[in-house]
Amino acid sequence: MSALALAAGLTLSLPLLAESRTAYGPQLEGFSYPHPLKHYRFESQGKALEMAFMDVEPQGKANGRTALLLHGKNFCGATWERTIEVLSQAGYRVIAPDQVGFCSSSKPEGYQFSFAQLAHNTQALLEQESIEQVTVIGHSMGGMLAARLALNYPQRVEQLVLVNPIGLEDWQAEGVPYASIDQLYQSELKTDFDSIKAYQQKFYYNGSWKAEYDRWVGMLAAARVCASAATSIRWVCSAGDSDTMVPTANTAGKIVHTECAASGNTSSTSALHSSSQATALKRSRSNSQPPTRLPTMPPRPNAARANGIQPALTPVTFSNVGAM
C-alpha cells in the first residue's frame, strides 16, 4: 500500500494515551502534542493572531515533498499523530496546523471564519516556511478547507487528498431541513465533557469505552470551553444525531457521514469502506515528480462541478484504507 493510502487510512486511528479530565489553558496549554509546536504570528482582519502548528522533518529517507494535514471540526492537529508518523517515515516533511479558532491557535472575537480566510491563513503559513508545494490531506471540515485551498492557490497544491470531506453534498437538496446559525449555536452551548464522551462512545467506539479515550474528550471539551468563555464565536455542528448540516445519515438514509464512524472497534467500518470511502482529488502536473498512484473511480461530476473543481481535478478513491 502506498504511504499516502496508508496515511489516509490512519487518519482516524487515534493514539490511545491515558489522560483524564485535565484542566487546560485558553490555547490548550498543558495538552500533550506529539511534536513540538511552532507559532506563526500574523495580522488578519485587524487582529494580532497566531496559528500553532507542528513541523516534523522526515524520519526516513527524505523524498523532497511536504504533506499538509488539515484537521476536522471536532479534532486538532494532535489527532493526526499516527498519520504524521507514517508520512514522516515515508520521507515527507509534515506540517499540521491548528486552524485559527481551534485548539492551540488564537480564538478571536468577531472574526469572519470563512473557508477562504482559513485557506488564506494556511497558505501564508506555507509562505513563511518557504514551502512552495504540498500534498494536502484534509479530513471532514478540513477536506472542505483543503478544496478551497486548492481552488484559491492551485500553485501550492501538488496533490489533494480528501478524507471523508464535507462540502461535496447539497444536504438541503437531499431533504435535510435548514437550521439557522442561532439554532446551531444554542445546540453547541449544551456541549460539555459528558455529552462529548457520550457522543464519541456511541459513534467512535461502538458503545465501548476505555480510560485512554478520555484524552480526546478532554481535548475537545477544553477547546470548546475556552472558545465560548473567551469569545463569541458561533460554532456550527458538523456531525451528530441532531446535526442538520452533515447528519449521521440523510433523510433518505443513503449516506453515512463517517466522522461519526471513526476509529477503533466500530460497527460502522463497513459503511466507511462502502458508501463513504476516503475520497481523494489528485491534480495532474506534467512538470512534477510522479505522484503516488491511486486507483481511479467513476467521477462525481455534479458534486465536483458544484465546487468548481471538475475541470482541473480528477476524482479518485482509495480501495483499501486499512484497518480503522
C-alpha atoms as a PDB file:
ATOM      1  CA  MET A   1       0.000   0.000   0.000  1.00  0.00           C
ATOM      2  CA  SER A   2       1.307   3.481  -0.784  1.00  0.00           C
ATOM      3  CA  ALA A   3       2.333   5.803   2.036  1.00  0.00           C
ATOM      4  CA  LEU A   4      -0.485   8.218   1.190  1.00  0.00           C
ATOM      5  CA  ALA A   5      -3.114   5.493   1.180  1.00  0.00           C
ATOM      6  CA  LEU A   6      -1.858   4.142   4.475  1.00  0.00           C
ATOM      7  CA  ALA A   7      -1.722   7.625   5.972  1.00  0.00           C
ATOM      8  CA  ALA A   8      -5.286   8.393   4.948  1.00  0.00           C
ATOM      9  CA  GLY A   9      -6.357   5.064   6.375  1.00  0.00           C
ATOM     10  CA  LEU A  10      -4.804   6.016   9.689  1.00  0.00           C
ATOM     11  CA  THR A  11      -6.454   9.436   9.737  1.00  0.00           C
ATOM     12  CA  LEU A  12      -8.900   8.457  12.427  1.00  0.00           C
ATOM     13  CA  SER A  13      -6.812   5.757  14.113  1.00  0.00           C
ATOM     14  CA  LEU A  14      -6.201   7.890  17.160  1.00  0.00           C
ATOM     15  CA  PRO A  15      -3.332   7.105  19.521  1.00  0.00           C
ATOM     16  CA  LEU A  16      -4.693   5.940  22.828  1.00  0.00           C
ATOM     17  CA  LEU A  17      -2.824   7.616  25.660  1.00  0.00           C
ATOM     18  CA  ALA A  18      -4.305   7.784  29.129  1.00  0.00           C
ATOM     19  CA  GLU A  19      -5.470  11.219  30.144  1.00  0.00           C
ATOM     20  CA  SER A  20      -8.464  12.137  32.282  1.00  0.00           C
ATOM     21  CA  ARG A  21     -10.310  15.396  32.877  1.00  0.00           C
ATOM     22  CA  THR A  22      -7.341  17.738  32.863  1.00  0.00           C
ATOM     23  CA  ALA A  23      -7.754  21.498  33.041  1.00  0.00           C
ATOM     24  CA  TYR A  24      -6.054  23.119  30.053  1.00  0.00           C
ATOM     25  CA  GLY A  25      -5.261  26.744  29.308  1.00  0.00           C
ATOM     26  CA  PRO A  26      -7.097  29.007  26.824  1.00  0.00           C
ATOM     27  CA  GLN A  27      -4.953  27.683  23.975  1.00  0.00           C
ATOM     28  CA  LEU A  28      -4.789  24.091  25.232  1.00  0.00           C
ATOM     29  CA  GLU A  29      -1.740  24.808  27.371  1.00  0.00           C
ATOM     30  CA  GLY A  30      -0.942  21.580  29.193  1.00  0.00           C
ATOM     31  CA  PHE A  31      -2.259  19.298  26.475  1.00  0.00           C
ATOM     32  CA  SER A  32       0.436  16.968  25.154  1.00  0.00           C
ATOM     33  CA  TYR A  33       1.081  17.304  21.421  1.00  0.00           C
ATOM     34  CA  PRO A  34       3.084  14.518  19.741  1.00  0.00           C
ATOM     35  CA  HIS A  35       5.649  17.007  18.408  1.00  0.00           C
ATOM     36  CA  PRO A  36       6.802  20.487  19.465  1.00  0.00           C
ATOM     37  CA  LEU A  37       4.518  23.347  18.498  1.00  0.00           C
ATOM     38  CA  LYS A  38       5.662  26.325  16.485  1.00  0.00           C
ATOM     39  CA  HIS A  39       3.646  29.530  16.161  1.00  0.00           C
ATOM     40  CA  TYR A  40       3.000  31.583  13.041  1.00  0.00           C
ATOM     41  CA  ARG A  41       2.187  35.144  14.133  1.00  0.00           C
ATOM     42  CA  PHE A  42       0.338  37.457  11.770  1.00  0.00           C
ATOM     43  CA  GLU A  43      -2.358  40.116  11.499  1.00  0.00           C
ATOM     44  CA  SER A  44      -5.754  39.405   9.984  1.00  0.00           C
ATOM     45  CA  GLN A  45      -8.960  41.436   9.988  1.00  0.00           C
ATOM     46  CA  GLY A  46      -7.266  43.986  12.231  1.00  0.00           C
ATOM     47  CA  LYS A  47      -6.330  41.405  14.867  1.00  0.00           C
ATOM     48  CA  ALA A  48      -2.983  40.055  16.031  1.00  0.00           C
ATOM     49  CA  LEU A  49      -3.235  36.269  15.730  1.00  0.00           C
ATOM     50  CA  GLU A  50      -1.104  33.181  15.943  1.00  0.00           C
ATOM     51  CA  MET A  51      -1.526  29.791  14.343  1.00  0.00           C
ATOM     52  CA  ALA A  52       0.027  26.855  16.162  1.00  0.00           C
ATOM     53  CA  PHE A  53       1.479  24.101  14.005  1.00  0.00           C
ATOM     54  CA  MET A  54       3.736  21.074  14.103  1.00  0.00           C
ATOM     55  CA  ASP A  55       6.610  20.924  11.621  1.00  0.00           C
ATOM     56  CA  VAL A  56       8.007  17.396  11.507  1.00  0.00           C
ATOM     57  CA  GLU A  57      11.096  16.561   9.487  1.00  0.00           C
ATOM     58  CA  PRO A  58      11.341  13.276   7.542  1.00  0.00           C
ATOM     59  CA  GLN A  59      12.398  10.334   9.696  1.00  0.00           C
ATOM     60  CA  GLY A  60      13.019   8.090   6.703  1.00  0.00           C
ATOM     61  CA  LYS A  61      14.881   8.959   3.508  1.00  0.00           C
ATOM     62  CA  ALA A  62      13.626  12.420   2.504  1.00  0.00           C
ATOM     63  CA  ASN A  63      11.578  12.418  -0.709  1.00  0.00           C
ATOM     64  CA  GLY A  64      11.591  16.204  -1.130  1.00  0.00           C
ATOM     65  CA  ARG A  65       7.852  16.546  -0.560  1.00  0.00           C
ATOM     66  CA  THR A  66       5.792  18.190   2.167  1.00  0.00           C
ATOM     67  CA  ALA A  67       2.431  16.932   3.432  1.00  0.00           C
ATOM     68  CA  LEU A  68      -0.033  19.467   4.845  1.00  0.00           C
ATOM     69  CA  LEU A  69      -2.607  17.949   7.227  1.00  0.00           C
ATOM     70  CA  LEU A  70      -5.878  19.840   7.816  1.00  0.00           C
ATOM     71  CA  HIS A  71      -7.949  18.693  10.794  1.00  0.00           C
ATOM     72  CA  GLY A  72     -11.723  18.429  11.055  1.00  0.00           C
ATOM     73  CA  LYS A  73     -14.037  20.454  13.251  1.00  0.00           C
ATOM     74  CA  ASN A  74     -14.057  18.011  16.168  1.00  0.00           C
ATOM     75  CA  PHE A  75     -10.304  17.497  16.060  1.00  0.00           C
ATOM     76  CA  CYS A  76      -6.930  19.232  16.415  1.00  0.00           C
ATOM     77  CA  GLY A  77      -3.584  18.857  14.721  1.00  0.00           C
ATOM     78  CA  ALA A  78      -2.622  16.432  17.505  1.00  0.00           C
ATOM     79  CA  THR A  79      -5.126  13.855  16.290  1.00  0.00           C
ATOM     80  CA  TRP A  80      -3.007  13.348  13.161  1.00  0.00           C
ATOM     81  CA  GLU A  81      -0.324  11.735  15.362  1.00  0.00           C
ATOM     82  CA  ARG A  82      -0.164   8.333  13.676  1.00  0.00           C
ATOM     83  CA  THR A  83      -0.583   9.817  10.207  1.00  0.00           C
ATOM     84  CA  ILE A  84       2.366  12.117  10.888  1.00  0.00           C
ATOM     85  CA  GLU A  85       4.422   9.099  11.919  1.00  0.00           C
ATOM     86  CA  VAL A  86       3.590   7.166   8.738  1.00  0.00           C
ATOM     87  CA  LEU A  87       4.255  10.091   6.400  1.00  0.00           C
ATOM     88  CA  SER A  88       7.441  11.080   8.187  1.00  0.00           C
ATOM     89  CA  GLN A  89       8.785   7.540   7.954  1.00  0.00           C
ATOM     90  CA  ALA A  90       7.916   7.593   4.232  1.00  0.00           C
ATOM     91  CA  GLY A  91      10.149  10.636   3.742  1.00  0.00           C
ATOM     92  CA  TYR A  92       7.676  13.515   3.931  1.00  0.00           C
ATOM     93  CA  ARG A  93       8.137  16.723   5.827  1.00  0.00           C
ATOM     94  CA  VAL A  94       4.799  17.175   7.616  1.00  0.00           C
ATOM     95  CA  ILE A  95       3.015  20.425   8.521  1.00  0.00           C
ATOM     96  CA  ALA A  96      -0.009  20.003  10.816  1.00  0.00           C
ATOM     97  CA  PRO A  97      -1.602  23.303  11.903  1.00  0.00           C
ATOM     98  CA  ASP A  98      -4.390  24.100  14.317  1.00  0.00           C
ATOM     99  CA  GLN A  99      -6.647  26.473  12.415  1.00  0.00           C
ATOM    100  CA  VAL A 100      -7.434  29.883  13.912  1.00  0.00           C
ATOM    101  CA  GLY A 101     -10.366  29.397  16.271  1.00  0.00           C
ATOM    102  CA  PHE A 102      -9.275  25.873  17.187  1.00  0.00           C
ATOM    103  CA  CYS A 103      -7.172  24.164  19.817  1.00  0.00           C
ATOM    104  CA  SER A 104      -3.798  25.867  20.406  1.00  0.00           C
ATOM    105  CA  SER A 105      -4.335  28.739  17.956  1.00  0.00           C
ATOM    106  CA  SER A 106      -5.890  32.157  18.599  1.00  0.00           C
ATOM    107  CA  LYS A 107      -9.652  32.347  19.114  1.00  0.00           C
ATOM    108  CA  PRO A 108     -10.509  35.914  18.085  1.00  0.00           C
ATOM    109  CA  GLU A 109     -13.861  37.502  18.787  1.00  0.00           C
ATOM    110  CA  GLY A 110     -15.801  38.914  15.855  1.00  0.00           C
ATOM    111  CA  TYR A 111     -13.663  37.136  13.250  1.00  0.00           C
ATOM    112  CA  GLN A 112     -15.047  36.064   9.875  1.00  0.00           C
ATOM    113  CA  PHE A 113     -14.314  32.351   9.795  1.00  0.00           C
ATOM    114  CA  SER A 114     -14.823  31.759   6.089  1.00  0.00           C
ATOM    115  CA  PHE A 115     -13.065  28.884   4.359  1.00  0.00           C
ATOM    116  CA  ALA A 116     -11.449  31.438   2.065  1.00  0.00           C
ATOM    117  CA  GLN A 117      -9.981  33.220   5.105  1.00  0.00           C
ATOM    118  CA  LEU A 118      -8.731  29.996   6.682  1.00  0.00           C
ATOM    119  CA  ALA A 119      -7.218  28.979   3.337  1.00  0.00           C
ATOM    120  CA  HIS A 120      -5.505  32.371   3.095  1.00  0.00           C
ATOM    121  CA  ASN A 121      -4.077  31.971   6.604  1.00  0.00           C
ATOM    122  CA  THR A 122      -2.825  28.491   5.755  1.00  0.00           C
ATOM    123  CA  GLN A 123      -1.111  29.481   2.527  1.00  0.00           C
ATOM    124  CA  ALA A 124       0.504  32.412   4.364  1.00  0.00           C
ATOM    125  CA  LEU A 125       1.923  29.895   6.833  1.00  0.00           C
ATOM    126  CA  LEU A 126       3.361  27.920   3.914  1.00  0.00           C
ATOM    127  CA  GLU A 127       4.823  31.141   2.527  1.00  0.00           C
ATOM    128  CA  GLN A 128       6.512  31.915   5.831  1.00  0.00           C
ATOM    129  CA  GLU A 129       8.008  28.430   5.944  1.00  0.00           C
ATOM    130  CA  SER A 130       9.237  28.766   2.318  1.00  0.00           C
ATOM    131  CA  ILE A 131       7.188  25.765   1.215  1.00  0.00           C
ATOM    132  CA  GLU A 132       6.333  26.014  -2.471  1.00  0.00           C
ATOM    133  CA  GLN A 133       4.124  22.950  -2.974  1.00  0.00           C
ATOM    134  CA  VAL A 134       2.358  20.485  -0.715  1.00  0.00           C
ATOM    135  CA  THR A 135       0.392  17.277  -0.740  1.00  0.00           C
ATOM    136  CA  VAL A 136      -2.754  18.385   1.096  1.00  0.00           C
ATOM    137  CA  ILE A 137      -4.662  15.836   3.184  1.00  0.00           C
ATOM    138  CA  GLY A 138      -7.895  17.196   4.648  1.00  0.00           C
ATOM    139  CA  HIS A 139     -10.379  15.359   6.858  1.00  0.00           C
ATOM    140  CA  SER A 140     -14.077  16.298   7.239  1.00  0.00           C
ATOM    141  CA  MET A 141     -14.198  20.095   7.656  1.00  0.00           C
ATOM    142  CA  GLY A 142     -10.509  20.065   6.791  1.00  0.00           C
ATOM    143  CA  GLY A 143     -11.460  18.434   3.496  1.00  0.00           C
ATOM    144  CA  MET A 144     -13.659  21.374   2.572  1.00  0.00           C
ATOM    145  CA  LEU A 145     -10.836  23.715   3.597  1.00  0.00           C
ATOM    146  CA  ALA A 146      -8.379  21.678   1.507  1.00  0.00           C
ATOM    147  CA  ALA A 147     -10.622  22.026  -1.552  1.00  0.00           C
ATOM    148  CA  ARG A 148     -10.809  25.798  -1.043  1.00  0.00           C
ATOM    149  CA  LEU A 149      -7.028  25.983  -0.637  1.00  0.00           C
ATOM    150  CA  ALA A 150      -6.557  24.102  -3.917  1.00  0.00           C
ATOM    151  CA  LEU A 151      -9.036  26.330  -5.744  1.00  0.00           C
ATOM    152  CA  ASN A 152      -7.635  29.617  -4.461  1.00  0.00           C
ATOM    153  CA  TYR A 153      -3.946  28.673  -4.512  1.00  0.00           C
ATOM    154  CA  PRO A 154      -3.530  25.936  -7.157  1.00  0.00           C
ATOM    155  CA  GLN A 155       0.171  26.656  -7.496  1.00  0.00           C
ATOM    156  CA  ARG A 156       0.629  25.442  -3.910  1.00  0.00           C
ATOM    157  CA  VAL A 157      -1.103  22.087  -4.299  1.00  0.00           C
ATOM    158  CA  GLU A 158       0.703  19.175  -5.924  1.00  0.00           C
ATOM    159  CA  GLN A 159      -1.748  16.547  -4.700  1.00  0.00           C
ATOM    160  CA  LEU A 160      -5.092  16.843  -2.922  1.00  0.00           C
ATOM    161  CA  VAL A 161      -6.477  14.071  -0.716  1.00  0.00           C
ATOM    162  CA  LEU A 162      -9.937  14.486   0.814  1.00  0.00           C
ATOM    163  CA  VAL A 163     -10.739  12.061   3.616  1.00  0.00           C
ATOM    164  CA  ASN A 164     -14.494  11.949   4.190  1.00  0.00           C
ATOM    165  CA  PRO A 165     -14.885  15.667   3.397  1.00  0.00           C
ATOM    166  CA  ILE A 166     -17.855  17.898   3.960  1.00  0.00           C
ATOM    167  CA  GLY A 167     -18.967  20.281   1.245  1.00  0.00           C
ATOM    168  CA  LEU A 168     -19.399  17.911  -1.693  1.00  0.00           C
ATOM    169  CA  GLU A 169     -23.072  17.217  -0.992  1.00  0.00           C
ATOM    170  CA  ASP A 170     -26.055  19.549  -1.028  1.00  0.00           C
ATOM    171  CA  TRP A 171     -27.863  18.308   2.067  1.00  0.00           C
ATOM    172  CA  GLN A 172     -30.885  20.567   1.621  1.00  0.00           C
ATOM    173  CA  ALA A 173     -31.364  19.091  -1.842  1.00  0.00           C
ATOM    174  CA  GLU A 174     -31.323  15.684  -0.136  1.00  0.00           C
ATOM    175  CA  GLY A 175     -34.192  16.785   2.093  1.00  0.00           C
ATOM    176  CA  VAL A 176     -32.375  17.847   5.261  1.00  0.00           C
ATOM    177  CA  PRO A 177     -34.187  20.853   6.794  1.00  0.00           C
ATOM    178  CA  TYR A 178     -32.383  24.176   7.173  1.00  0.00           C
ATOM    179  CA  ALA A 179     -31.185  25.216  10.635  1.00  0.00           C
ATOM    180  CA  SER A 180     -30.117  28.759  11.438  1.00  0.00           C
ATOM    181  CA  ILE A 181     -26.783  29.662  12.984  1.00  0.00           C
ATOM    182  CA  ASP A 182     -28.705  30.695  16.123  1.00  0.00           C
ATOM    183  CA  GLN A 183     -30.200  27.212  16.430  1.00  0.00           C
ATOM    184  CA  LEU A 184     -26.856  25.527  15.902  1.00  0.00           C
ATOM    185  CA  TYR A 185     -25.186  27.894  18.358  1.00  0.00           C
ATOM    186  CA  GLN A 186     -27.699  27.069  21.084  1.00  0.00           C
ATOM    187  CA  SER A 187     -27.088  23.384  20.478  1.00  0.00           C
ATOM    188  CA  GLU A 188     -23.337  23.867  20.812  1.00  0.00           C
ATOM    189  CA  LEU A 189     -23.738  25.717  24.130  1.00  0.00           C
ATOM    190  CA  LYS A 190     -25.075  22.498  25.657  1.00  0.00           C
ATOM    191  CA  THR A 191     -21.862  20.650  24.834  1.00  0.00           C
ATOM    192  CA  ASP A 192     -19.680  19.536  27.763  1.00  0.00           C
ATOM    193  CA  PHE A 193     -17.302  16.722  28.704  1.00  0.00           C
ATOM    194  CA  ASP A 194     -20.092  14.247  29.402  1.00  0.00           C
ATOM    195  CA  SER A 195     -22.030  14.959  26.208  1.00  0.00           C
ATOM    196  CA  ILE A 196     -18.857  14.726  24.112  1.00  0.00           C
ATOM    197  CA  LYS A 197     -17.968  11.432  25.779  1.00  0.00           C
ATOM    198  CA  ALA A 198     -21.451  10.032  25.143  1.00  0.00           C
ATOM    199  CA  TYR A 199     -21.261  11.118  21.502  1.00  0.00           C
ATOM    200  CA  GLN A 200     -17.818   9.613  20.942  1.00  0.00           C
ATOM    201  CA  GLN A 201     -18.717   6.405  22.755  1.00  0.00           C
ATOM    202  CA  LYS A 202     -21.737   5.938  20.508  1.00  0.00           C
ATOM    203  CA  PHE A 203     -20.193   6.890  17.175  1.00  0.00           C
ATOM    204  CA  TYR A 204     -16.436   6.372  17.527  1.00  0.00           C
ATOM    205  CA  TYR A 205     -16.156   3.254  19.703  1.00  0.00           C
ATOM    206  CA  ASN A 206     -19.362   1.298  19.048  1.00  0.00           C
ATOM    207  CA  GLY A 207     -20.656   1.732  22.599  1.00  0.00           C
ATOM    208  CA  SER A 208     -17.482   0.603  24.352  1.00  0.00           C
ATOM    209  CA  TRP A 209     -15.119   2.806  26.337  1.00  0.00           C
ATOM    210  CA  LYS A 210     -11.587   2.751  27.705  1.00  0.00           C
ATOM    211  CA  ALA A 211      -9.988   5.269  30.036  1.00  0.00           C
ATOM    212  CA  GLU A 212      -7.428   6.089  27.338  1.00  0.00           C
ATOM    213  CA  TYR A 213     -10.173   7.668  25.227  1.00  0.00           C
ATOM    214  CA  ASP A 214     -10.704  10.418  27.819  1.00  0.00           C
ATOM    215  CA  ARG A 215      -7.684  12.203  26.344  1.00  0.00           C
ATOM    216  CA  TRP A 216      -9.597  13.142  23.212  1.00  0.00           C
ATOM    217  CA  VAL A 217     -12.753  14.064  25.086  1.00  0.00           C
ATOM    218  CA  GLY A 218     -10.733  16.358  27.323  1.00  0.00           C
ATOM    219  CA  MET A 219      -9.025  17.963  24.336  1.00  0.00           C
ATOM    220  CA  LEU A 220     -12.295  18.765  22.602  1.00  0.00           C
ATOM    221  CA  ALA A 221     -14.115  19.818  25.772  1.00  0.00           C
ATOM    222  CA  ALA A 222     -11.293  22.166  26.769  1.00  0.00           C
ATOM    223  CA  ALA A 223     -11.117  23.711  23.312  1.00  0.00           C
ATOM    224  CA  ARG A 224     -14.847  24.432  23.337  1.00  0.00           C
ATOM    225  CA  VAL A 225     -14.930  25.795  26.883  1.00  0.00           C
ATOM    226  CA  CYS A 226     -12.010  28.119  26.165  1.00  0.00           C
ATOM    227  CA  ALA A 227     -13.606  29.318  22.944  1.00  0.00           C
ATOM    228  CA  SER A 228     -17.008  30.024  24.466  1.00  0.00           C
ATOM    229  CA  ALA A 229     -15.522  31.674  27.544  1.00  0.00           C
ATOM    230  CA  ALA A 230     -13.111  33.914  25.670  1.00  0.00           C
ATOM    231  CA  THR A 231     -15.092  34.778  22.587  1.00  0.00           C
ATOM    232  CA  SER A 232     -18.497  34.985  20.995  1.00  0.00           C
ATOM    233  CA  ILE A 233     -17.574  32.583  18.181  1.00  0.00           C
ATOM    234  CA  ARG A 234     -20.623  30.778  16.897  1.00  0.00           C
ATOM    235  CA  TRP A 235     -19.547  27.219  16.334  1.00  0.00           C
ATOM    236  CA  VAL A 236     -21.555  25.064  13.980  1.00  0.00           C
ATOM    237  CA  CYS A 237     -22.075  21.345  14.295  1.00  0.00           C
ATOM    238  CA  SER A 238     -20.529  19.219  11.560  1.00  0.00           C
ATOM    239  CA  ALA A 239     -21.548  15.778  12.748  1.00  0.00           C
ATOM    240  CA  GLY A 240     -24.001  14.048  15.027  1.00  0.00           C
ATOM    241  CA  ASP A 241     -27.549  12.891  15.615  1.00  0.00           C
ATOM    242  CA  SER A 242     -29.053  16.380  15.692  1.00  0.00           C
ATOM    243  CA  ASP A 243     -26.779  17.840  13.029  1.00  0.00           C
ATOM    244  CA  THR A 244     -28.741  19.396  10.183  1.00  0.00           C
ATOM    245  CA  MET A 245     -25.648  20.307   8.180  1.00  0.00           C
ATOM    246  CA  VAL A 246     -23.830  16.989   7.889  1.00  0.00           C
ATOM    247  CA  PRO A 247     -26.084  14.432   9.590  1.00  0.00           C
ATOM    248  CA  THR A 248     -25.138  10.911  10.549  1.00  0.00           C
ATOM    249  CA  ALA A 249     -27.442   9.839   7.753  1.00  0.00           C
ATOM    250  CA  ASN A 250     -29.515  11.943   5.401  1.00  0.00           C
ATOM    251  CA  THR A 251     -33.289  11.748   5.412  1.00  0.00           C
ATOM    252  CA  ALA A 252     -33.281   9.093   2.721  1.00  0.00           C
ATOM    253  CA  GLY A 253     -30.876   7.013   4.807  1.00  0.00           C
ATOM    254  CA  LYS A 254     -28.426   6.828   1.937  1.00  0.00           C
ATOM    255  CA  ILE A 255     -25.195   8.395   3.112  1.00  0.00           C
ATOM    256  CA  VAL A 256     -23.299   7.806   6.332  1.00  0.00           C
ATOM    257  CA  HIS A 257     -21.035  10.655   7.410  1.00  0.00           C
ATOM    258  CA  THR A 258     -18.060   8.750   8.758  1.00  0.00           C
ATOM    259  CA  GLU A 259     -16.722  11.438  11.033  1.00  0.00           C
ATOM    260  CA  CYS A 260     -19.329   9.722  13.226  1.00  0.00           C
ATOM    261  CA  ALA A 261     -17.881   6.293  12.453  1.00  0.00           C
ATOM    262  CA  ALA A 262     -14.270   6.935  13.251  1.00  0.00           C
ATOM    263  CA  SER A 263     -11.630   4.666  14.668  1.00  0.00           C
ATOM    264  CA  GLY A 264     -11.405   1.669  16.900  1.00  0.00           C
ATOM    265  CA  ASN A 265     -13.863  -1.195  17.101  1.00  0.00           C
ATOM    266  CA  THR A 266     -16.790   0.446  15.333  1.00  0.00           C
ATOM    267  CA  SER A 267     -19.503  -1.456  13.536  1.00  0.00           C
ATOM    268  CA  SER A 268     -19.724   1.375  11.019  1.00  0.00           C
ATOM    269  CA  THR A 269     -16.437   0.408   9.366  1.00  0.00           C
ATOM    270  CA  SER A 270     -18.295  -1.284   6.517  1.00  0.00           C
ATOM    271  CA  ALA A 271     -20.188   1.936   5.865  1.00  0.00           C
ATOM    272  CA  LEU A 272     -16.889   3.793   5.738  1.00  0.00           C
ATOM    273  CA  HIS A 273     -15.471   1.330   3.214  1.00  0.00           C
ATOM    274  CA  SER A 274     -18.562   1.162   1.010  1.00  0.00           C
ATOM    275  CA  SER A 275     -20.726   4.262   0.981  1.00  0.00           C
ATOM    276  CA  SER A 276     -18.302   6.945   2.118  1.00  0.00           C
ATOM    277  CA  GLN A 277     -14.781   5.784   1.366  1.00  0.00           C
ATOM    278  CA  ALA A 278     -11.830   8.106   1.795  1.00  0.00           C
ATOM    279  CA  THR A 279     -12.079  10.253  -1.331  1.00  0.00           C
ATOM    280  CA  ALA A 280      -9.143  11.969  -2.976  1.00  0.00           C
ATOM    281  CA  LEU A 281      -8.754  14.580  -5.664  1.00  0.00           C
ATOM    282  CA  LYS A 282      -5.445  14.451  -7.499  1.00  0.00           C
ATOM    283  CA  ARG A 283      -4.042  17.309  -9.549  1.00  0.00           C
ATOM    284  CA  SER A 284      -2.105  16.248 -12.638  1.00  0.00           C
ATOM    285  CA  ARG A 285       1.166  18.085 -13.140  1.00  0.00           C
ATOM    286  CA  SER A 286       3.457  17.272 -16.051  1.00  0.00           C
ATOM    287  CA  ASN A 287       6.439  19.035 -14.508  1.00  0.00           C
ATOM    288  CA  SER A 288       6.290  17.470 -11.036  1.00  0.00           C
ATOM    289  CA  GLN A 289       7.597  14.233  -9.599  1.00  0.00           C
ATOM    290  CA  PRO A 290       5.420  11.203 -10.400  1.00  0.00           C
ATOM    291  CA  PRO A 291       2.525  11.357  -7.927  1.00  0.00           C
ATOM    292  CA  THR A 292       1.576   8.479  -5.682  1.00  0.00           C
ATOM    293  CA  ARG A 293      -0.674   6.250  -7.775  1.00  0.00           C
ATOM    294  CA  LEU A 294      -4.249   5.910  -6.583  1.00  0.00           C
ATOM    295  CA  PRO A 295      -6.894   3.652  -8.152  1.00  0.00           C
ATOM    296  CA  THR A 296      -9.476   5.588 -10.126  1.00  0.00           C
ATOM    297  CA  MET A 297     -13.234   5.541  -9.720  1.00  0.00           C
ATOM    298  CA  PRO A 298     -16.117   6.914 -11.794  1.00  0.00           C
ATOM    299  CA  PRO A 299     -16.208  10.708 -11.391  1.00  0.00           C
ATOM    300  CA  ARG A 300     -18.874  12.529  -9.410  1.00  0.00           C
ATOM    301  CA  PRO A 301     -19.487  15.372 -11.853  1.00  0.00           C
ATOM    302  CA  ASN A 302     -22.325  17.062 -10.005  1.00  0.00           C
ATOM    303  CA  ALA A 303     -20.539  17.260  -6.670  1.00  0.00           C
ATOM    304  CA  ALA A 304     -17.237  18.266  -8.216  1.00  0.00           C
ATOM    305  CA  ARG A 305     -18.778  20.836 -10.534  1.00  0.00           C
ATOM    306  CA  ALA A 306     -20.652  22.399  -7.633  1.00  0.00           C
ATOM    307  CA  ASN A 307     -17.290  23.160  -6.056  1.00  0.00           C
ATOM    308  CA  GLY A 308     -15.745  24.388  -9.298  1.00  0.00           C
ATOM    309  CA  ILE A 309     -13.129  21.638  -9.368  1.00  0.00           C
ATOM    310  CA  GLN A 310     -14.280  19.298 -12.147  1.00  0.00           C
ATOM    311  CA  PRO A 311     -12.208  20.837 -14.975  1.00  0.00           C
ATOM    312  CA  ALA A 312      -8.900  20.730 -13.101  1.00  0.00           C
ATOM    313  CA  LEU A 313      -9.063  17.726 -10.792  1.00  0.00           C
ATOM    314  CA  THR A 314      -9.724  14.038 -11.335  1.00  0.00           C
ATOM    315  CA  PRO A 315     -11.688  12.322  -8.529  1.00  0.00           C
ATOM    316  CA  VAL A 316     -10.224   9.056  -7.257  1.00  0.00           C
ATOM    317  CA  THR A 317     -10.719   6.892  -4.174  1.00  0.00           C
ATOM    318  CA  PHE A 318      -8.739   4.510  -2.015  1.00  0.00           C
ATOM    319  CA  SER A 319      -9.901   0.925  -2.498  1.00  0.00           C
ATOM    320  CA  ASN A 320      -8.190  -0.084   0.724  1.00  0.00           C
ATOM    321  CA  VAL A 321      -7.937   2.405   3.568  1.00  0.00           C
ATOM    322  CA  GLY A 322      -6.538  -0.111   6.017  1.00  0.00           C
ATOM    323  CA  ALA A 323      -7.845  -1.148   9.395  1.00  0.00           C
ATOM    324  CA  MET A 324      -9.628   1.718  11.074  1.00  0.00           C
END
